[in-house]
């Protein structure tokens, strides 16, 4: 999974303008993020049509605020730069819940 460097919302829009992307917001100190992280390689492998981008919420706090990501771990899906779905809250997420979110897109 590619780690997103610190960037603005405009820079992100340019990066994700072509293709399908899944942003995964997390932080190193977050226990619920640590819970889902081991499942992420399998989830990523199951959905090869999405390019997964890891977003450190602390390094990208302004981006998180601009995208209204107040809780982590959280996921936002994009298709050609347009948001097509979000699974954003502060609750712990299971592999099945993340898969259900992606399948519903």
C-alpha atoms as a PDB file:
ATOM      1  CA  UNK A   1       0.000   0.000   0.000  1.00  0.00           C
ATOM      2  CA  UNK A   2       1.398   3.345  -1.017  1.00  0.00           C
ATOM      3  CA  UNK A   3       1.851   5.817   1.829  1.00  0.00           C
ATOM      4  CA  UNK A   4       0.467   9.212   0.940  1.00  0.00           C
ATOM      5  CA  UNK A   5       2.925  12.017   1.708  1.00  0.00           C
ATOM      6  CA  UNK A   6       1.730  15.194   3.357  1.00  0.00           C
ATOM      7  CA  UNK A   7      -0.431  17.022   0.836  1.00  0.00           C
ATOM      8  CA  UNK A   8      -3.291  19.434   0.363  1.00  0.00           C
ATOM      9  CA  UNK A   9      -6.771  18.580  -0.850  1.00  0.00           C
ATOM     10  CA  UNK A  10      -5.920  20.083  -4.266  1.00  0.00           C
ATOM     11  CA  UNK A  11      -2.775  17.945  -4.517  1.00  0.00           C
ATOM     12  CA  UNK A  12      -4.805  14.868  -3.590  1.00  0.00           C
ATOM     13  CA  UNK A  13      -7.402  15.701  -6.235  1.00  0.00           C
ATOM     14  CA  UNK A  14      -4.651  15.826  -8.859  1.00  0.00           C
ATOM     15  CA  UNK A  15      -3.192  12.493  -7.695  1.00  0.00           C
ATOM     16  CA  UNK A  16      -6.497  10.594  -7.753  1.00  0.00           C
ATOM     17  CA  UNK A  17      -8.067  12.164 -10.851  1.00  0.00           C
ATOM     18  CA  UNK A  18      -7.681   8.975 -12.942  1.00  0.00           C
ATOM     19  CA  UNK A  19      -8.655   5.544 -11.671  1.00  0.00           C
ATOM     20  CA  UNK A  20     -10.176   4.043  -8.554  1.00  0.00           C
ATOM     21  CA  UNK A  21      -8.627   4.839  -5.185  1.00  0.00           C
ATOM     22  CA  UNK A  22      -9.269   3.832  -1.602  1.00  0.00           C
ATOM     23  CA  UNK A  23      -7.892   6.147   1.072  1.00  0.00           C
ATOM     24  CA  UNK A  24      -7.180   4.439   4.394  1.00  0.00           C
ATOM     25  CA  UNK A  25      -6.881   6.989   7.209  1.00  0.00           C
ATOM     26  CA  UNK A  26      -5.103   5.815  10.344  1.00  0.00           C
ATOM     27  CA  UNK A  27      -2.505   6.823  12.946  1.00  0.00           C
ATOM     28  CA  UNK A  28       0.303   4.968  14.690  1.00  0.00           C
ATOM     29  CA  UNK A  29      -1.172   5.533  18.163  1.00  0.00           C
ATOM     30  CA  UNK A  30      -4.685   4.311  17.236  1.00  0.00           C
ATOM     31  CA  UNK A  31      -5.559   0.846  18.656  1.00  0.00           C
ATOM     32  CA  UNK A  32      -8.539   0.405  16.321  1.00  0.00           C
ATOM     33  CA  UNK A  33      -6.252   1.162  13.368  1.00  0.00           C
ATOM     34  CA  UNK A  34      -3.787  -1.457  14.619  1.00  0.00           C
ATOM     35  CA  UNK A  35      -6.705  -3.917  14.755  1.00  0.00           C
ATOM     36  CA  UNK A  36      -7.536  -3.612  11.017  1.00  0.00           C
ATOM     37  CA  UNK A  37      -3.973  -3.101   9.684  1.00  0.00           C
ATOM     38  CA  UNK A  38      -3.090  -6.841   9.584  1.00  0.00           C
ATOM     39  CA  UNK A  39      -6.132  -7.464   7.329  1.00  0.00           C
ATOM     40  CA  UNK A  40      -5.291  -4.678   4.898  1.00  0.00           C
ATOM     41  CA  UNK A  41      -2.949  -6.686   2.590  1.00  0.00           C
ATOM     42  CA  UNK A  42      -5.688  -9.308   2.093  1.00  0.00           C
ATOM     43  CA  UNK A  43      -8.337  -6.634   1.490  1.00  0.00           C
ATOM     44  CA  UNK A  44      -6.036  -4.892  -0.962  1.00  0.00           C
ATOM     45  CA  UNK A  45      -5.448  -8.190  -2.816  1.00  0.00           C
ATOM     46  CA  UNK A  46      -9.205  -8.854  -3.039  1.00  0.00           C
ATOM     47  CA  UNK A  47      -9.870  -5.500  -4.725  1.00  0.00           C
ATOM     48  CA  UNK A  48      -7.153  -5.020  -7.362  1.00  0.00           C
ATOM     49  CA  UNK A  49      -9.299  -2.467  -9.221  1.00  0.00           C
ATOM     50  CA  UNK A  50      -8.619  -0.024  -6.356  1.00  0.00           C
ATOM     51  CA  UNK A  51      -5.263   1.575  -5.606  1.00  0.00           C
ATOM     52  CA  UNK A  52      -5.031   1.752  -1.834  1.00  0.00           C
ATOM     53  CA  UNK A  53      -3.377   4.791  -0.270  1.00  0.00           C
ATOM     54  CA  UNK A  54      -2.404   4.876   3.401  1.00  0.00           C
ATOM     55  CA  UNK A  55      -2.994   8.303   4.924  1.00  0.00           C
ATOM     56  CA  UNK A  56      -1.392   9.071   8.286  1.00  0.00           C
ATOM     57  CA  UNK A  57      -4.038  11.237   9.887  1.00  0.00           C
ATOM     58  CA  UNK A  58      -1.478  13.068  12.050  1.00  0.00           C
ATOM     59  CA  UNK A  59       0.808  13.902   9.110  1.00  0.00           C
ATOM     60  CA  UNK A  60      -2.211  14.968   7.038  1.00  0.00           C
ATOM     61  CA  UNK A  61      -4.408  16.564   9.692  1.00  0.00           C
ATOM     62  CA  UNK A  62      -5.394  19.468   7.417  1.00  0.00           C
ATOM     63  CA  UNK A  63      -6.355  17.043   4.635  1.00  0.00           C
ATOM     64  CA  UNK A  64      -8.352  14.942   7.102  1.00  0.00           C
ATOM     65  CA  UNK A  65     -10.217  18.034   8.304  1.00  0.00           C
ATOM     66  CA  UNK A  66     -10.838  19.189   4.714  1.00  0.00           C
ATOM     67  CA  UNK A  67     -12.289  15.739   3.902  1.00  0.00           C
ATOM     68  CA  UNK A  68     -14.310  15.677   7.148  1.00  0.00           C
ATOM     69  CA  UNK A  69     -12.481  12.629   8.505  1.00  0.00           C
ATOM     70  CA  UNK A  70     -12.877  13.071  12.239  1.00  0.00           C
ATOM     71  CA  UNK A  71     -12.568   9.448  13.318  1.00  0.00           C
ATOM     72  CA  UNK A  72     -10.097   6.707  12.427  1.00  0.00           C
ATOM     73  CA  UNK A  73      -9.667   4.167  11.011  1.00  0.00           C
ATOM     74  CA  UNK A  74     -11.659   5.426   8.057  1.00  0.00           C
ATOM     75  CA  UNK A  75     -11.961   4.748   4.346  1.00  0.00           C
ATOM     76  CA  UNK A  76     -12.939   6.985   1.420  1.00  0.00           C
ATOM     77  CA  UNK A  77     -13.387   5.579  -2.094  1.00  0.00           C
ATOM     78  CA  UNK A  78     -12.871   7.596  -5.270  1.00  0.00           C
ATOM     79  CA  UNK A  79     -13.462   6.932  -8.948  1.00  0.00           C
ATOM     80  CA  UNK A  80     -11.706   9.318 -11.345  1.00  0.00           C
ATOM     81  CA  UNK A  81     -11.450  11.955  -8.635  1.00  0.00           C
ATOM     82  CA  UNK A  82     -15.088  11.763  -7.524  1.00  0.00           C
ATOM     83  CA  UNK A  83     -15.942  10.418  -4.078  1.00  0.00           C
ATOM     84  CA  UNK A  84     -18.112   7.315  -4.476  1.00  0.00           C
ATOM     85  CA  UNK A  85     -18.379   6.246  -0.847  1.00  0.00           C
ATOM     86  CA  UNK A  86     -17.074   6.639   2.658  1.00  0.00           C
ATOM     87  CA  UNK A  87     -16.817   4.485   5.751  1.00  0.00           C
ATOM     88  CA  UNK A  88     -15.847   7.224   8.171  1.00  0.00           C
ATOM     89  CA  UNK A  89     -16.307   6.992  11.925  1.00  0.00           C
ATOM     90  CA  UNK A  90     -14.246   6.344  15.015  1.00  0.00           C
ATOM     91  CA  UNK A  91     -15.366   2.731  15.491  1.00  0.00           C
ATOM     92  CA  UNK A  92     -13.213  -0.371  15.211  1.00  0.00           C
ATOM     93  CA  UNK A  93     -13.737  -2.005  11.816  1.00  0.00           C
ATOM     94  CA  UNK A  94     -13.505  -5.692  10.972  1.00  0.00           C
ATOM     95  CA  UNK A  95     -12.243  -7.123   7.688  1.00  0.00           C
ATOM     96  CA  UNK A  96     -15.823  -8.169   6.869  1.00  0.00           C
ATOM     97  CA  UNK A  97     -17.181  -4.661   7.488  1.00  0.00           C
ATOM     98  CA  UNK A  98     -14.550  -3.131   5.186  1.00  0.00           C
ATOM     99  CA  UNK A  99     -15.292  -5.737   2.499  1.00  0.00           C
ATOM    100  CA  UNK A 100     -19.040  -5.085   2.843  1.00  0.00           C
ATOM    101  CA  UNK A 101     -18.390  -1.349   2.376  1.00  0.00           C
ATOM    102  CA  UNK A 102     -16.308  -1.927  -0.762  1.00  0.00           C
ATOM    103  CA  UNK A 103     -18.778  -4.464  -2.187  1.00  0.00           C
ATOM    104  CA  UNK A 104     -21.617  -1.944  -1.763  1.00  0.00           C
ATOM    105  CA  UNK A 105     -19.870   0.719  -3.859  1.00  0.00           C
END
